[in-house]
Amino acid sequence: MVGHETRNTRHETRDMRGSNPSCFVFRVSCLSVVLLTAGCDTPSWFRKQERDPIESVVFRDGKVVPVDPVAMRSTPELAAAHELYRDGKYGKAEAAFHKIAENTKNTPPVAEEARFYEAECLYQQDKYPKACDTYHKMLIDFPAGTNRDRAIRRMFDIANYWLDDTRGEMTAYREKVQGERWMVVPAVFHTETKKPFLDEEGRALQALEQVHLNDMSGPLADKSLFLAGGVKFFRQDYKEADHYFSQLVQFHPNSPLAPEAVRLAIISKHMSTGGPDYDGRKVAEARIMVDTALRTYPELAQKESGFLEKQLGSITLQQAQKDFNTAEFYRRTGHPGAAFFYYEIVRRRYPGTKAADLAIERMEEVREAAEREQPKQRSIFEKAQESWDRMWGNKPKLSDGPDAAPAPSPPDAPSPKPTALPADMLPHGEGPR
């Protein structure tokens, strides 16, 4: 770890923080007696490990110095700080833990524990914003520390607490829609120490992102994604909401939140397109998501069958309108053949829709112009065929089909390609055979 003494440890003893060594030995002895009495083999994690002569070392003053592994996790300063923490003197304990964590001469286990309990002191003093930042700093400096899971849980709890005001705002807007409230005034500033002074919701989303990134497969990853997606959905930022919900469905398909995330992801994809005049890839993804809901989540398909059918119908109408608009573009720009082709796509893909009925009418209008355009296109292909013949000799005509036999070459027609490569173009030692 950068900023602390480096060490080389292959086998570490279990964490002895706040424990009496003699009590620990007594418990180990009791467990050994129980295992031997029951006739059980000693577990692999309980067996004595052979140690190298120099197993735990630190680099100090340009020299490699061996260090006792137990002593690496405990110092007099850390013990005194823990004593202040147990006595409830969180202000003094915070300063002591901060001093230990910032001391680069301490070993990484000592520094990691001091950083965690520094954040704990801030949490106990209701200084949640600073505590959240300190937990995050510990996760950056010690991503595999012994207190990693506890820090992630604390950050999630803090973010969830900060989102209480957003939940209250959601309830207020619902009451406004129902006519029970005239207006909604969101809270902008917060003077209490538990909340940030500004942008409480943004700080909560930032903490949820950090929880997910530091533990993507943990028990809080799906909850973090769902909370973040719910906030973005409420703020009508459907593109970001779709990102969070789709990640939850993709990486946590067995989560209890996955069915609801599928439903909200379908709505977010459909709402983030902007209509048929814009990119239609999100609408296609929404159709795939509907298929995923019907195949993978039968409880959702049974409970929300009407919703899924409505979404599928809305997706179909939007895609039909987009293809019809493409056909209209070609018709307006003087390409009746291409327009006729797209009208035919609309007629076949979306039968029974208004766009399909209108496409049939447009096909009759542009049919004559498309037929007149066909000889012109054929002449273009014939000119291309003539150019090909002049360059490479006679080849099957494009109009003859792929199975047509090649036309015989004139007797004096040049060979389309040399029978052999020049000798100077071949690898050394080879020549025409």
Protein backbone atom coordinates (compact mmCIF):
# COMPACT_ATOMS: atom_id res chain seq x y z
CA MET A 1 0.00 0.00 0.00
CA VAL A 2 1.41 3.36 -1.06
CA GLY A 3 2.18 5.68 1.86
CA HIS A 4 2.64 2.84 4.35
CA GLU A 5 5.36 0.35 5.07
CA THR A 6 5.42 -2.56 2.68
CA ARG A 7 5.26 -6.08 4.04
CA ASN A 8 5.33 -9.67 2.80
CA THR A 9 2.88 -11.98 4.59
CA ARG A 10 1.87 -15.39 3.33
CA HIS A 11 -0.02 -16.55 6.40
CA GLU A 12 -1.72 -14.14 8.80
CA THR A 13 -3.28 -14.86 12.15
CA ARG A 14 -6.92 -13.96 12.62
CA ASP A 15 -7.81 -10.43 13.72
CA MET A 16 -6.99 -9.93 17.40
CA ARG A 17 -8.35 -6.39 17.73
CA GLY A 18 -9.82 -5.74 21.14
CA SER A 19 -9.28 -9.39 22.26
CA ASN A 20 -7.25 -10.85 25.08
CA PRO A 21 -4.59 -13.26 23.67
CA SER A 22 -4.93 -15.58 26.66
CA CYS A 23 -8.72 -15.72 26.18
CA PHE A 24 -8.19 -16.49 22.51
CA VAL A 25 -5.85 -19.38 23.35
CA PHE A 26 -8.38 -20.73 25.84
CA ARG A 27 -11.13 -20.73 23.19
CA VAL A 28 -8.85 -22.46 20.68
CA SER A 29 -7.98 -25.14 23.23
CA CYS A 30 -11.64 -25.79 23.99
CA LEU A 31 -12.43 -26.13 20.27
CA SER A 32 -9.54 -28.58 19.83
CA VAL A 33 -10.83 -30.75 22.68
CA VAL A 34 -14.33 -30.80 21.18
CA LEU A 35 -13.02 -31.80 17.74
CA LEU A 36 -10.82 -34.56 19.13
CA THR A 37 -13.59 -35.88 21.40
CA ALA A 38 -16.04 -36.06 18.51
CA GLY A 39 -13.52 -37.96 16.40
CA CYS A 40 -13.43 -35.28 13.69
CA ASP A 41 -10.43 -34.36 11.61
CA THR A 42 -8.97 -30.95 12.17
CA PRO A 43 -10.25 -28.50 9.53
CA SER A 44 -7.72 -27.25 7.03
CA TRP A 45 -8.09 -23.67 8.25
CA PHE A 46 -7.43 -24.82 11.83
CA ARG A 47 -4.24 -26.79 11.20
CA LYS A 48 -0.90 -25.37 12.16
CA GLN A 49 0.94 -23.82 9.24
CA GLU A 50 4.66 -24.07 8.73
CA ARG A 51 6.26 -20.65 8.80
CA ASP A 52 9.32 -19.40 7.03
CA PRO A 53 12.11 -17.85 9.12
CA ILE A 54 11.29 -14.38 7.68
CA GLU A 55 7.59 -14.40 6.88
CA SER A 56 6.35 -10.96 7.93
CA VAL A 57 8.64 -8.03 7.25
CA VAL A 58 8.46 -4.27 6.81
CA PHE A 59 10.77 -1.90 4.96
CA ARG A 60 12.01 0.67 7.47
CA ASP A 61 14.91 3.14 7.13
CA GLY A 62 16.24 1.32 4.08
CA LYS A 63 16.31 -2.07 5.84
CA VAL A 64 14.05 -5.12 5.86
CA VAL A 65 12.97 -5.70 9.47
CA PRO A 66 10.96 -8.78 10.63
CA VAL A 67 7.77 -7.95 12.48
CA ASP A 68 5.50 -10.07 14.64
CA PRO A 69 2.17 -10.54 12.75
CA VAL A 70 0.16 -9.98 15.94
CA ALA A 71 2.01 -6.76 16.66
CA MET A 72 1.27 -5.54 13.13
CA ARG A 73 -2.42 -5.25 14.05
CA SER A 74 -2.01 -3.52 17.38
CA THR A 75 -0.09 -0.56 18.72
CA PRO A 76 -0.32 1.29 22.04
CA GLU A 77 -1.74 4.32 20.23
CA LEU A 78 -4.45 2.19 18.57
CA ALA A 79 -5.34 0.54 21.89
CA ALA A 80 -5.64 3.95 23.57
CA ALA A 81 -7.88 5.20 20.73
CA HIS A 82 -10.10 2.13 21.09
CA GLU A 83 -10.38 2.85 24.81
CA LEU A 84 -11.62 6.37 24.04
CA TYR A 85 -14.11 4.92 21.54
CA ARG A 86 -15.49 2.45 24.08
CA ASP A 87 -15.87 5.25 26.64
CA GLY A 88 -18.02 7.22 24.17
CA LYS A 89 -15.48 10.03 23.75
CA TYR A 90 -15.93 10.06 19.97
CA GLY A 91 -14.39 13.50 19.37
CA LYS A 92 -11.10 12.59 21.02
CA ALA A 93 -11.15 9.10 19.54
CA GLU A 94 -11.67 10.55 16.06
CA ALA A 95 -8.57 12.73 16.39
CA ALA A 96 -6.53 9.80 17.71
CA PHE A 97 -7.65 7.44 14.92
CA HIS A 98 -7.00 10.10 12.30
CA LYS A 99 -3.45 10.61 13.56
CA ILE A 100 -2.77 6.87 13.43
CA ALA A 101 -4.26 6.52 9.93
CA GLU A 102 -2.18 9.40 8.58
CA ASN A 103 1.07 8.08 10.07
CA THR A 104 2.88 6.39 7.18
CA LYS A 105 5.11 4.42 9.57
CA ASN A 106 2.17 2.29 10.72
CA THR A 107 1.49 -1.04 9.04
CA PRO A 108 -1.45 -1.30 6.59
CA PRO A 109 -3.67 -3.33 8.99
CA VAL A 110 -3.22 -0.70 11.68
CA ALA A 111 -3.84 2.17 9.27
CA GLU A 112 -6.92 0.47 7.77
CA GLU A 113 -8.48 -0.15 11.17
CA ALA A 114 -7.73 3.39 12.33
CA ARG A 115 -9.33 4.83 9.17
CA PHE A 116 -12.45 2.74 9.64
CA TYR A 117 -12.89 3.71 13.27
CA GLU A 118 -12.24 7.34 12.39
CA ALA A 119 -15.28 7.09 10.14
CA GLU A 120 -17.18 5.27 12.88
CA CYS A 121 -16.49 8.13 15.29
CA LEU A 122 -17.85 10.59 12.73
CA TYR A 123 -20.91 8.38 12.24
CA GLN A 124 -21.55 8.23 15.99
CA GLN A 125 -21.34 12.03 16.11
CA ASP A 126 -24.04 12.25 13.37
CA LYS A 127 -21.56 13.76 10.89
CA TYR A 128 -22.78 11.59 8.04
CA PRO A 129 -21.33 13.49 5.05
CA LYS A 130 -17.78 13.45 6.42
CA ALA A 131 -18.20 9.87 7.65
CA CYS A 132 -19.29 8.73 4.17
CA ASP A 133 -16.24 10.37 2.61
CA THR A 134 -13.98 8.69 5.18
CA TYR A 135 -15.49 5.26 4.52
CA HIS A 136 -14.90 5.80 0.83
CA LYS A 137 -11.30 6.85 1.46
CA MET A 138 -10.77 3.63 3.41
CA LEU A 139 -12.18 1.58 0.51
CA ILE A 140 -9.84 3.32 -1.93
CA ASP A 141 -6.73 2.88 0.21
CA PHE A 142 -7.58 -0.64 1.45
CA PRO A 143 -9.95 -2.29 -1.06
CA ALA A 144 -9.46 -5.73 0.52
CA GLY A 145 -9.40 -4.65 4.16
CA THR A 146 -11.02 -6.55 6.99
CA ASN A 147 -13.59 -3.78 7.53
CA ARG A 148 -14.60 -3.51 3.86
CA ASP A 149 -18.07 -5.05 4.20
CA ARG A 150 -18.91 -2.98 7.25
CA ALA A 151 -17.88 0.23 5.49
CA ILE A 152 -20.02 -0.62 2.44
CA ARG A 153 -23.03 -1.29 4.68
CA ARG A 154 -22.53 2.04 6.45
CA MET A 155 -22.36 3.93 3.16
CA PHE A 156 -25.53 2.26 1.91
CA ASP A 157 -27.38 3.09 5.13
CA ILE A 158 -26.29 6.72 4.92
CA ALA A 159 -27.38 7.03 1.28
CA ASN A 160 -30.69 5.37 2.07
CA TYR A 161 -31.24 7.84 4.91
CA TRP A 162 -30.48 10.79 2.64
CA LEU A 163 -33.10 9.57 0.15
CA ASP A 164 -35.87 9.89 2.76
CA ASP A 165 -36.41 13.49 1.65
CA THR A 166 -36.75 12.32 -1.96
CA ARG A 167 -39.36 9.76 -0.87
CA GLY A 168 -41.23 12.52 0.92
CA GLU A 169 -41.15 14.62 -2.23
CA MET A 170 -42.54 11.68 -4.22
CA THR A 171 -45.42 11.39 -1.77
CA ALA A 172 -46.07 15.13 -1.99
CA TYR A 173 -46.23 15.02 -5.80
CA ARG A 174 -48.63 12.10 -5.64
CA GLU A 175 -50.87 14.10 -3.31
CA LYS A 176 -50.69 17.04 -5.69
CA VAL A 177 -51.81 14.88 -8.60
CA GLN A 178 -54.71 13.59 -6.50
CA GLY A 179 -55.71 17.15 -5.61
CA GLU A 180 -54.79 16.89 -1.93
CA ARG A 181 -52.01 19.46 -2.14
CA TRP A 182 -51.72 22.73 -3.99
CA MET A 183 -47.93 22.87 -4.47
CA VAL A 184 -44.71 21.05 -3.60
CA VAL A 185 -41.68 22.87 -2.21
CA PRO A 186 -38.58 20.63 -2.29
CA ALA A 187 -35.96 21.03 0.42
CA VAL A 188 -32.80 22.63 -0.97
CA PHE A 189 -30.73 23.52 2.09
CA HIS A 190 -30.13 21.39 5.19
CA THR A 191 -28.61 22.69 8.40
CA GLU A 192 -28.54 19.43 10.38
CA THR A 193 -25.21 17.65 10.57
CA LYS A 194 -26.63 14.33 9.31
CA LYS A 195 -27.32 15.76 5.85
CA PRO A 196 -25.21 17.67 3.31
CA PHE A 197 -25.85 21.39 3.17
CA LEU A 198 -26.52 21.21 -0.60
CA ASP A 199 -27.42 18.49 -3.11
CA GLU A 200 -28.46 15.82 -0.67
CA GLU A 201 -29.93 13.65 -3.43
CA GLY A 202 -26.80 13.93 -5.57
CA ARG A 203 -24.58 12.89 -2.64
CA ALA A 204 -26.87 9.89 -2.02
CA LEU A 205 -26.59 8.77 -5.65
CA GLN A 206 -22.82 9.18 -5.48
CA ALA A 207 -22.67 6.96 -2.39
CA LEU A 208 -24.85 4.32 -4.07
CA GLU A 209 -22.52 4.31 -7.07
CA GLN A 210 -19.55 3.76 -4.76
CA VAL A 211 -21.34 0.91 -2.99
CA HIS A 212 -22.05 -0.81 -6.31
CA LEU A 213 -18.54 -0.30 -7.71
CA ASN A 214 -16.83 -1.59 -4.56
CA ASP A 215 -19.02 -4.69 -4.26
CA MET A 216 -20.60 -5.54 -7.63
CA SER A 217 -21.57 -9.05 -6.59
CA GLY A 218 -22.45 -8.29 -2.98
CA PRO A 219 -25.83 -8.27 -1.27
CA LEU A 220 -26.25 -4.51 -1.64
CA ALA A 221 -25.35 -4.15 -5.34
CA ASP A 222 -28.86 -4.77 -6.69
CA LYS A 223 -30.44 -2.55 -4.05
CA SER A 224 -28.05 0.29 -4.90
CA LEU A 225 -28.89 0.05 -8.61
CA PHE A 226 -32.61 -0.08 -7.93
CA LEU A 227 -32.57 2.97 -5.63
CA ALA A 228 -30.48 4.99 -8.10
CA GLY A 229 -32.73 3.99 -10.99
CA GLY A 230 -35.85 4.89 -9.01
CA VAL A 231 -34.55 8.39 -8.30
CA LYS A 232 -33.68 8.96 -11.97
CA PHE A 233 -37.08 7.61 -13.03
CA PHE A 234 -38.83 10.03 -10.66
CA ARG A 235 -36.78 12.92 -12.06
CA GLN A 236 -37.80 11.81 -15.61
CA ASP A 237 -34.20 11.17 -16.57
CA TYR A 238 -35.25 8.02 -18.40
CA LYS A 239 -31.93 7.43 -20.12
CA GLU A 240 -30.06 7.13 -16.81
CA ALA A 241 -32.93 5.19 -15.24
CA ASP A 242 -32.74 2.70 -18.11
CA HIS A 243 -28.99 2.35 -17.49
CA TYR A 244 -29.44 1.40 -13.82
CA PHE A 245 -32.44 -0.90 -14.32
CA SER A 246 -30.85 -2.68 -17.29
CA GLN A 247 -27.67 -3.29 -15.29
CA LEU A 248 -29.72 -4.80 -12.49
CA VAL A 249 -31.51 -7.15 -14.89
CA GLN A 250 -28.27 -8.09 -16.65
CA PHE A 251 -26.00 -8.69 -13.67
CA HIS A 252 -28.54 -9.68 -10.99
CA PRO A 253 -31.27 -11.64 -12.81
CA ASN A 254 -32.12 -13.67 -9.68
CA SER A 255 -32.62 -10.62 -7.46
CA PRO A 256 -36.10 -10.16 -5.97
CA LEU A 257 -35.99 -6.64 -7.42
CA ALA A 258 -35.38 -7.91 -10.98
CA PRO A 259 -39.06 -8.26 -12.07
CA GLU A 260 -39.87 -4.70 -11.07
CA ALA A 261 -36.62 -3.51 -12.66
CA VAL A 262 -37.66 -5.18 -15.93
CA ARG A 263 -40.99 -3.36 -15.88
CA LEU A 264 -39.38 0.01 -15.19
CA ALA A 265 -36.63 -0.63 -17.75
CA ILE A 266 -39.25 -1.21 -20.47
CA ILE A 267 -40.92 2.09 -19.66
CA SER A 268 -37.57 3.92 -19.46
CA LYS A 269 -36.40 2.59 -22.83
CA HIS A 270 -39.69 3.52 -24.45
CA MET A 271 -39.71 7.01 -22.93
CA SER A 272 -36.05 7.80 -23.68
CA THR A 273 -36.36 7.57 -27.47
CA GLY A 274 -38.04 10.92 -28.12
CA GLY A 275 -40.50 9.51 -30.65
CA PRO A 276 -40.38 7.84 -34.08
CA ASP A 277 -38.29 10.63 -35.59
CA TYR A 278 -35.27 9.69 -33.46
CA ASP A 279 -33.00 6.69 -33.02
CA GLY A 280 -35.09 3.53 -32.82
CA ARG A 281 -32.55 1.27 -31.13
CA LYS A 282 -33.96 1.85 -27.65
CA VAL A 283 -37.42 0.87 -28.89
CA ALA A 284 -35.94 -2.35 -30.27
CA GLU A 285 -34.27 -2.97 -26.90
CA ALA A 286 -37.63 -2.40 -25.20
CA ARG A 287 -39.17 -5.10 -27.41
CA ILE A 288 -36.35 -7.48 -26.39
CA MET A 289 -36.95 -6.59 -22.73
CA VAL A 290 -40.65 -7.42 -23.09
CA ASP A 291 -39.68 -10.80 -24.50
CA THR A 292 -37.29 -11.29 -21.55
CA ALA A 293 -40.09 -10.49 -19.11
CA LEU A 294 -42.44 -13.00 -20.76
CA ARG A 295 -39.85 -15.78 -20.87
CA THR A 296 -37.81 -15.30 -17.69
CA TYR A 297 -40.24 -13.84 -15.14
CA PRO A 298 -43.54 -15.74 -15.33
CA GLU A 299 -44.88 -14.04 -12.21
CA LEU A 300 -44.47 -10.67 -13.91
CA ALA A 301 -46.00 -11.99 -17.14
CA GLN A 302 -49.02 -13.23 -15.21
CA LYS A 303 -49.43 -10.21 -12.96
CA GLU A 304 -48.65 -7.52 -15.53
CA SER A 305 -49.92 -9.19 -18.70
CA GLY A 306 -52.06 -6.20 -19.62
CA PHE A 307 -49.16 -3.81 -19.10
CA LEU A 308 -46.82 -5.88 -21.26
CA GLU A 309 -49.40 -6.11 -24.04
CA LYS A 310 -49.91 -2.35 -24.00
CA GLN A 311 -46.18 -1.71 -24.09
CA LEU A 312 -45.74 -4.15 -26.95
CA GLY A 313 -48.54 -2.46 -28.88
CA SER A 314 -47.05 0.99 -28.26
CA ILE A 315 -43.62 -0.25 -29.39
CA THR A 316 -45.16 -1.69 -32.56
CA LEU A 317 -46.92 1.56 -33.40
CA GLN A 318 -43.75 3.58 -32.89
CA GLN A 319 -41.67 1.27 -35.07
CA ALA A 320 -44.36 1.27 -37.77
CA GLN A 321 -44.45 5.06 -37.76
CA LYS A 322 -40.66 5.22 -38.05
CA ASP A 323 -40.57 2.89 -41.09
CA PHE A 324 -43.48 4.77 -42.67
CA ASN A 325 -41.64 8.08 -42.17
CA THR A 326 -38.62 6.57 -43.95
CA ALA A 327 -40.81 5.62 -46.89
CA GLU A 328 -42.30 9.11 -46.96
CA PHE A 329 -38.82 10.62 -47.04
CA TYR A 330 -37.88 8.61 -50.15
CA ARG A 331 -41.17 9.53 -51.80
CA ARG A 332 -40.65 13.25 -51.20
CA THR A 333 -37.05 13.16 -52.44
CA GLY A 334 -37.96 11.50 -55.75
CA HIS A 335 -37.01 7.85 -55.12
CA PRO A 336 -40.27 5.99 -55.76
CA GLY A 337 -38.57 2.57 -55.91
CA ALA A 338 -37.10 2.90 -52.42
CA ALA A 339 -40.35 4.38 -51.14
CA PHE A 340 -42.31 1.44 -52.57
CA PHE A 341 -39.90 -0.96 -50.85
CA TYR A 342 -40.38 0.64 -47.41
CA TYR A 343 -44.16 0.85 -47.84
CA GLU A 344 -44.08 -2.88 -48.49
CA ILE A 345 -42.09 -3.39 -45.26
CA VAL A 346 -44.70 -1.46 -43.28
CA ARG A 347 -47.52 -3.44 -44.90
CA ARG A 348 -45.95 -6.80 -44.05
CA ARG A 349 -44.46 -6.10 -40.61
CA TYR A 350 -47.30 -4.15 -39.04
CA PRO A 351 -50.61 -5.46 -40.43
CA GLY A 352 -53.74 -3.99 -38.96
CA THR A 353 -52.15 -0.70 -37.97
CA LYS A 354 -53.03 2.70 -39.34
CA ALA A 355 -49.54 3.02 -40.82
CA ALA A 356 -50.03 -0.24 -42.76
CA ASP A 357 -53.36 0.93 -44.23
CA LEU A 358 -51.84 4.24 -45.26
CA ALA A 359 -48.79 2.45 -46.73
CA ILE A 360 -51.07 0.43 -49.03
CA GLU A 361 -52.58 3.65 -50.37
CA ARG A 362 -49.15 5.19 -50.93
CA MET A 363 -47.95 2.06 -52.74
CA GLU A 364 -50.67 2.49 -55.36
CA GLU A 365 -49.66 6.13 -55.79
CA VAL A 366 -45.96 5.44 -56.39
CA ARG A 367 -46.33 2.13 -58.26
CA GLU A 368 -46.33 3.70 -61.73
CA ALA A 369 -43.36 5.94 -60.94
CA ALA A 370 -41.46 2.97 -59.47
CA GLU A 371 -42.08 0.94 -62.64
CA ARG A 372 -40.82 3.79 -64.78
CA GLU A 373 -37.72 4.01 -62.61
CA GLN A 374 -36.93 0.29 -62.99
CA PRO A 375 -35.60 0.49 -66.63
CA LYS A 376 -33.40 3.40 -65.57
CA GLN A 377 -31.95 1.30 -62.75
CA ARG A 378 -31.49 -1.63 -65.14
CA SER A 379 -29.53 0.59 -67.52
CA ILE A 380 -27.25 1.57 -64.65
CA PHE A 381 -26.56 -2.11 -63.94
CA GLU A 382 -25.93 -2.79 -67.63
CA LYS A 383 -23.38 0.02 -67.80
CA ALA A 384 -21.66 -1.43 -64.77
CA GLN A 385 -21.65 -4.84 -66.49
CA GLU A 386 -20.05 -3.36 -69.60
CA SER A 387 -17.32 -1.75 -67.54
CA TRP A 388 -16.68 -5.08 -65.85
CA ASP A 389 -16.47 -6.85 -69.22
CA ARG A 390 -13.96 -4.32 -70.55
CA MET A 391 -11.73 -4.78 -67.50
CA TRP A 392 -11.95 -8.53 -66.86
CA GLY A 393 -13.52 -10.11 -69.88
CA ASN A 394 -17.02 -11.50 -70.34
CA LYS A 395 -18.76 -12.50 -67.11
CA PRO A 396 -22.34 -13.64 -66.39
CA LYS A 397 -24.75 -10.76 -66.68
CA LEU A 398 -26.42 -9.53 -63.51
CA SER A 399 -29.82 -10.11 -65.06
CA ASP A 400 -29.06 -13.73 -65.91
CA GLY A 401 -29.04 -14.87 -62.28
CA PRO A 402 -26.40 -16.68 -60.28
CA ASP A 403 -26.92 -20.03 -62.04
CA ALA A 404 -26.43 -18.73 -65.58
CA ALA A 405 -23.56 -20.24 -67.53
CA PRO A 406 -20.68 -17.91 -68.40
CA ALA A 407 -20.62 -16.64 -71.96
CA PRO A 408 -17.76 -18.01 -74.09
CA SER A 409 -14.81 -15.66 -74.59
CA PRO A 410 -13.82 -14.59 -78.08
CA PRO A 411 -10.81 -16.46 -79.53
CA ASP A 412 -8.62 -13.41 -79.42
CA ALA A 413 -9.81 -12.22 -76.01
CA PRO A 414 -6.96 -11.62 -73.58
CA SER A 415 -6.71 -13.80 -70.53
CA PRO A 416 -8.33 -12.08 -67.53
CA LYS A 417 -5.28 -12.73 -65.36
CA PRO A 418 -1.72 -14.07 -65.84
CA THR A 419 -1.20 -17.79 -65.56
CA ALA A 420 1.63 -17.36 -63.09
CA LEU A 421 3.14 -14.60 -60.99
CA PRO A 422 6.48 -13.10 -61.98
CA ALA A 423 9.42 -14.81 -60.38
CA ASP A 424 10.50 -11.68 -58.51
CA MET A 425 7.14 -11.62 -56.67
CA LEU A 426 7.47 -15.15 -55.32
CA PRO A 427 9.27 -16.12 -52.10
CA HIS A 428 12.93 -17.01 -52.45
CA GLY A 429 13.54 -20.53 -53.65
CA GLU A 430 10.17 -20.86 -55.44
CA GLY A 431 9.17 -20.41 -59.03
CA PRO A 432 6.45 -21.34 -61.49
CA ARG A 433 6.00 -25.06 -61.75
